[in-house]
Amino acid sequence: MFERIQKRFREKIRSRQYIMTHHARKEMVDDALTIYDVEYGILTGKIIERQKDRITAEKKYRMRGKPLENDTVEVIAKSGPTGKLVIITVYKL
C-alpha cells in the first residue's frame, strides 16, 4: 500500500538526505539504539500506518523494522519541506 513512499524513504536514507529531531536522538539514546539501527530499521522495515495531524493535515508514517540486533524498532517519519526525510521519533518494541 505504501510502497512508493517506502522506496522514497529508503532512497533518502541511502543518500544521507535525512535529519533527526532532537526528540528522536534522545529516544534513540534512551533505548540504546545507534543511527545504524535506525537506518537499518528503515531500510528493512515496512510502513504499517499513515498518521495525519488533525490541525495541520500533515502526513507522517509509522515504520517497523529490524535494527542490527534482534529487537524490533519503530520509526515515525515524514517528508520535510526541504525534501529531506525527517525522523520524528524512534523506539524499541
N, C-alpha and C. Protein backbone atom coordinates (compact mmCIF):
# COMPACT_ATOMS: atom_id res chain seq x y z
N MET A 1 0.81 -1.20 0.00
CA MET A 1 0.00 0.00 0.00
C MET A 1 0.86 1.27 0.00
N PHE A 2 1.95 1.25 0.73
CA PHE A 2 2.81 2.43 0.83
C PHE A 2 4.17 2.22 0.15
N GLU A 3 4.20 1.37 -0.87
CA GLU A 3 5.47 1.00 -1.49
C GLU A 3 6.24 2.20 -2.05
N ARG A 4 5.54 3.11 -2.69
CA ARG A 4 6.20 4.28 -3.30
C ARG A 4 6.85 5.16 -2.23
N ILE A 5 6.16 5.36 -1.14
CA ILE A 5 6.69 6.18 -0.05
C ILE A 5 7.85 5.47 0.63
N GLN A 6 7.69 4.17 0.87
CA GLN A 6 8.77 3.38 1.46
C GLN A 6 10.03 3.46 0.61
N LYS A 7 9.87 3.34 -0.70
CA LYS A 7 11.02 3.41 -1.61
C LYS A 7 11.70 4.77 -1.51
N ARG A 8 10.90 5.84 -1.47
CA ARG A 8 11.47 7.19 -1.36
C ARG A 8 12.21 7.36 -0.03
N PHE A 9 11.64 6.88 1.07
CA PHE A 9 12.31 6.97 2.37
C PHE A 9 13.63 6.21 2.36
N ARG A 10 13.64 5.04 1.76
CA ARG A 10 14.89 4.25 1.68
C ARG A 10 15.95 4.97 0.86
N GLU A 11 15.53 5.59 -0.23
CA GLU A 11 16.47 6.37 -1.05
C GLU A 11 17.06 7.53 -0.25
N LYS A 12 16.25 8.16 0.56
CA LYS A 12 16.73 9.27 1.40
C LYS A 12 17.75 8.77 2.42
N ILE A 13 17.53 7.60 2.97
CA ILE A 13 18.48 7.02 3.93
C ILE A 13 19.79 6.70 3.22
N ARG A 14 19.71 6.04 2.07
CA ARG A 14 20.92 5.65 1.33
C ARG A 14 21.76 6.85 0.90
N SER A 15 21.10 7.94 0.57
CA SER A 15 21.82 9.13 0.12
C SER A 15 22.09 10.12 1.26
N ARG A 16 21.80 9.71 2.48
CA ARG A 16 22.03 10.53 3.68
C ARG A 16 21.27 11.86 3.62
N GLN A 17 20.10 11.84 3.04
CA GLN A 17 19.27 13.04 2.96
C GLN A 17 18.16 12.97 4.00
N TYR A 18 18.59 12.94 5.25
CA TYR A 18 17.62 12.90 6.34
C TYR A 18 18.14 13.69 7.53
N ILE A 19 17.21 14.07 8.37
CA ILE A 19 17.56 14.72 9.63
C ILE A 19 16.77 14.05 10.74
N MET A 20 17.31 14.14 11.93
CA MET A 20 16.63 13.59 13.11
C MET A 20 16.28 14.74 14.03
N THR A 21 15.09 14.71 14.57
CA THR A 21 14.71 15.72 15.54
C THR A 21 15.48 15.47 16.84
N HIS A 22 15.52 16.49 17.67
CA HIS A 22 16.15 16.35 18.98
C HIS A 22 15.47 15.23 19.76
N HIS A 23 14.15 15.18 19.68
CA HIS A 23 13.38 14.14 20.37
C HIS A 23 13.80 12.74 19.90
N ALA A 24 13.95 12.56 18.59
CA ALA A 24 14.35 11.26 18.04
C ALA A 24 15.72 10.85 18.55
N ARG A 25 16.66 11.80 18.59
CA ARG A 25 18.01 11.49 19.10
C ARG A 25 17.96 11.07 20.57
N LYS A 26 17.16 11.77 21.35
CA LYS A 26 17.04 11.43 22.77
C LYS A 26 16.44 10.04 22.95
N GLU A 27 15.39 9.74 22.22
CA GLU A 27 14.76 8.43 22.32
C GLU A 27 15.70 7.33 21.85
N MET A 28 16.47 7.60 20.81
CA MET A 28 17.43 6.64 20.29
C MET A 28 18.44 6.28 21.37
N VAL A 29 18.98 7.28 22.03
CA VAL A 29 19.95 7.06 23.09
C VAL A 29 19.31 6.34 24.28
N ASP A 30 18.11 6.78 24.67
CA ASP A 30 17.41 6.16 25.80
C ASP A 30 17.15 4.67 25.57
N ASP A 31 16.93 4.27 24.32
CA ASP A 31 16.66 2.87 24.00
C ASP A 31 17.91 2.12 23.56
N ALA A 32 19.08 2.74 23.74
CA ALA A 32 20.37 2.12 23.39
C ALA A 32 20.43 1.73 21.91
N LEU A 33 19.90 2.58 21.06
CA LEU A 33 19.97 2.37 19.62
C LEU A 33 21.04 3.27 19.04
N THR A 34 21.57 2.87 17.91
CA THR A 34 22.53 3.71 17.19
C THR A 34 21.87 4.22 15.92
N ILE A 35 22.51 5.16 15.27
CA ILE A 35 22.00 5.66 14.00
C ILE A 35 21.94 4.54 12.97
N TYR A 36 22.86 3.59 13.07
CA TYR A 36 22.86 2.45 12.15
C TYR A 36 21.63 1.57 12.36
N ASP A 37 21.20 1.43 13.62
CA ASP A 37 19.98 0.69 13.91
C ASP A 37 18.77 1.36 13.26
N VAL A 38 18.72 2.68 13.38
CA VAL A 38 17.60 3.43 12.81
C VAL A 38 17.61 3.32 11.29
N GLU A 39 18.78 3.53 10.68
CA GLU A 39 18.89 3.42 9.22
C GLU A 39 18.48 2.02 8.75
N TYR A 40 19.01 1.01 9.41
CA TYR A 40 18.72 -0.38 9.01
C TYR A 40 17.24 -0.70 9.21
N GLY A 41 16.66 -0.17 10.28
CA GLY A 41 15.23 -0.37 10.52
C GLY A 41 14.39 0.19 9.39
N ILE A 42 14.77 1.35 8.87
CA ILE A 42 14.04 1.95 7.75
C ILE A 42 14.30 1.19 6.45
N LEU A 43 15.55 0.79 6.24
CA LEU A 43 15.90 0.08 5.01
C LEU A 43 15.25 -1.30 4.91
N THR A 44 15.02 -1.95 6.04
CA THR A 44 14.47 -3.30 6.03
C THR A 44 13.01 -3.35 6.46
N GLY A 45 12.49 -2.25 6.94
CA GLY A 45 11.15 -2.26 7.53
C GLY A 45 10.04 -1.99 6.54
N LYS A 46 8.85 -1.94 7.09
CA LYS A 46 7.64 -1.68 6.32
C LYS A 46 6.85 -0.57 7.00
N ILE A 47 6.20 0.24 6.20
CA ILE A 47 5.27 1.23 6.74
C ILE A 47 4.02 0.47 7.17
N ILE A 48 3.63 0.66 8.42
CA ILE A 48 2.47 -0.05 8.93
C ILE A 48 1.27 0.87 9.16
N GLU A 49 1.52 2.18 9.12
CA GLU A 49 0.41 3.11 9.35
C GLU A 49 0.76 4.50 8.85
N ARG A 50 -0.22 5.16 8.28
CA ARG A 50 -0.09 6.58 7.95
C ARG A 50 -0.91 7.34 8.98
N GLN A 51 -0.31 8.38 9.54
CA GLN A 51 -1.00 9.21 10.52
C GLN A 51 -1.14 10.60 9.94
N LYS A 52 -2.22 11.28 10.31
CA LYS A 52 -2.48 12.62 9.79
C LYS A 52 -2.73 13.55 10.97
N ASP A 53 -1.98 14.64 11.01
CA ASP A 53 -2.16 15.63 12.07
C ASP A 53 -3.53 16.29 11.94
N ARG A 54 -4.25 16.35 13.04
CA ARG A 54 -5.60 16.91 13.00
C ARG A 54 -5.62 18.40 12.68
N ILE A 55 -4.59 19.10 13.08
CA ILE A 55 -4.56 20.55 12.90
C ILE A 55 -3.95 20.94 11.55
N THR A 56 -2.77 20.40 11.25
CA THR A 56 -2.05 20.80 10.03
C THR A 56 -2.34 19.92 8.82
N ALA A 57 -2.95 18.76 9.04
CA ALA A 57 -3.21 17.76 7.99
C ALA A 57 -1.92 17.16 7.43
N GLU A 58 -0.82 17.37 8.12
CA GLU A 58 0.47 16.83 7.71
C GLU A 58 0.48 15.31 7.89
N LYS A 59 1.06 14.60 6.92
CA LYS A 59 1.12 13.14 6.97
C LYS A 59 2.47 12.70 7.50
N LYS A 60 2.43 11.70 8.39
CA LYS A 60 3.65 11.06 8.87
C LYS A 60 3.40 9.57 8.85
N TYR A 61 4.48 8.81 8.87
CA TYR A 61 4.38 7.37 8.67
C TYR A 61 5.08 6.61 9.80
N ARG A 62 4.42 5.55 10.23
CA ARG A 62 4.96 4.66 11.27
C ARG A 62 5.52 3.43 10.58
N MET A 63 6.84 3.21 10.76
CA MET A 63 7.52 2.09 10.14
C MET A 63 8.02 1.13 11.21
N ARG A 64 7.99 -0.14 10.90
CA ARG A 64 8.51 -1.16 11.82
C ARG A 64 9.54 -1.98 11.07
N GLY A 65 10.73 -2.12 11.69
CA GLY A 65 11.80 -2.88 11.07
C GLY A 65 12.72 -3.48 12.10
N LYS A 66 13.78 -4.09 11.61
CA LYS A 66 14.76 -4.73 12.48
C LYS A 66 16.01 -3.86 12.57
N PRO A 67 16.47 -3.57 13.79
CA PRO A 67 17.77 -2.91 13.90
C PRO A 67 18.87 -3.95 13.68
N LEU A 68 20.10 -3.59 13.90
CA LEU A 68 21.20 -4.52 13.70
C LEU A 68 21.16 -5.69 14.67
N GLU A 69 20.57 -5.48 15.84
CA GLU A 69 20.40 -6.56 16.81
C GLU A 69 19.06 -7.24 16.57
N ASN A 70 18.63 -8.09 17.49
CA ASN A 70 17.43 -8.91 17.28
C ASN A 70 16.12 -8.27 17.67
N ASP A 71 16.14 -7.05 18.17
CA ASP A 71 14.91 -6.40 18.59
C ASP A 71 14.11 -5.91 17.39
N THR A 72 13.02 -5.25 17.67
CA THR A 72 12.24 -4.58 16.64
C THR A 72 12.25 -3.09 16.95
N VAL A 73 12.34 -2.29 15.93
CA VAL A 73 12.38 -0.84 16.10
C VAL A 73 11.22 -0.22 15.31
N GLU A 74 10.65 0.83 15.88
CA GLU A 74 9.65 1.60 15.15
C GLU A 74 10.18 3.01 14.97
N VAL A 75 9.89 3.55 13.80
CA VAL A 75 10.32 4.89 13.44
C VAL A 75 9.10 5.65 12.94
N ILE A 76 8.94 6.87 13.42
CA ILE A 76 7.92 7.77 12.90
C ILE A 76 8.66 8.83 12.09
N ALA A 77 8.28 8.97 10.82
CA ALA A 77 9.00 9.89 9.93
C ALA A 77 8.04 10.53 8.94
N LYS A 78 8.53 11.59 8.31
CA LYS A 78 7.75 12.31 7.31
C LYS A 78 8.69 12.93 6.30
N SER A 79 8.14 13.36 5.19
CA SER A 79 8.90 14.14 4.22
C SER A 79 8.87 15.59 4.68
N GLY A 80 10.05 16.19 4.75
CA GLY A 80 10.15 17.57 5.20
C GLY A 80 9.97 18.56 4.06
N PRO A 81 9.83 19.84 4.38
CA PRO A 81 9.63 20.88 3.36
C PRO A 81 10.83 21.05 2.43
N THR A 82 12.01 20.61 2.87
CA THR A 82 13.20 20.73 2.01
C THR A 82 13.42 19.48 1.17
N GLY A 83 12.54 18.49 1.31
CA GLY A 83 12.69 17.25 0.56
C GLY A 83 13.43 16.17 1.32
N LYS A 84 13.97 16.53 2.47
CA LYS A 84 14.67 15.52 3.28
C LYS A 84 13.67 14.71 4.09
N LEU A 85 14.09 13.52 4.47
CA LEU A 85 13.32 12.69 5.38
C LEU A 85 13.54 13.22 6.79
N VAL A 86 12.47 13.42 7.52
CA VAL A 86 12.57 13.90 8.90
C VAL A 86 12.17 12.74 9.81
N ILE A 87 13.11 12.29 10.63
CA ILE A 87 12.84 11.23 11.60
C ILE A 87 12.37 11.91 12.87
N ILE A 88 11.10 11.69 13.18
CA ILE A 88 10.46 12.39 14.30
C ILE A 88 10.76 11.71 15.63
N THR A 89 10.62 10.39 15.65
CA THR A 89 10.94 9.63 16.86
C THR A 89 11.27 8.20 16.47
N VAL A 90 11.89 7.50 17.40
CA VAL A 90 12.29 6.13 17.19
C VAL A 90 12.26 5.42 18.55
N TYR A 91 11.88 4.16 18.55
CA TYR A 91 11.84 3.41 19.81
C TYR A 91 11.88 1.92 19.55
N LYS A 92 12.35 1.18 20.57
CA LYS A 92 12.35 -0.28 20.52
C LYS A 92 10.99 -0.80 20.96
N LEU A 93 10.63 -1.94 20.42
CA LEU A 93 9.40 -2.62 20.88
C LEU A 93 9.76 -3.78 21.77
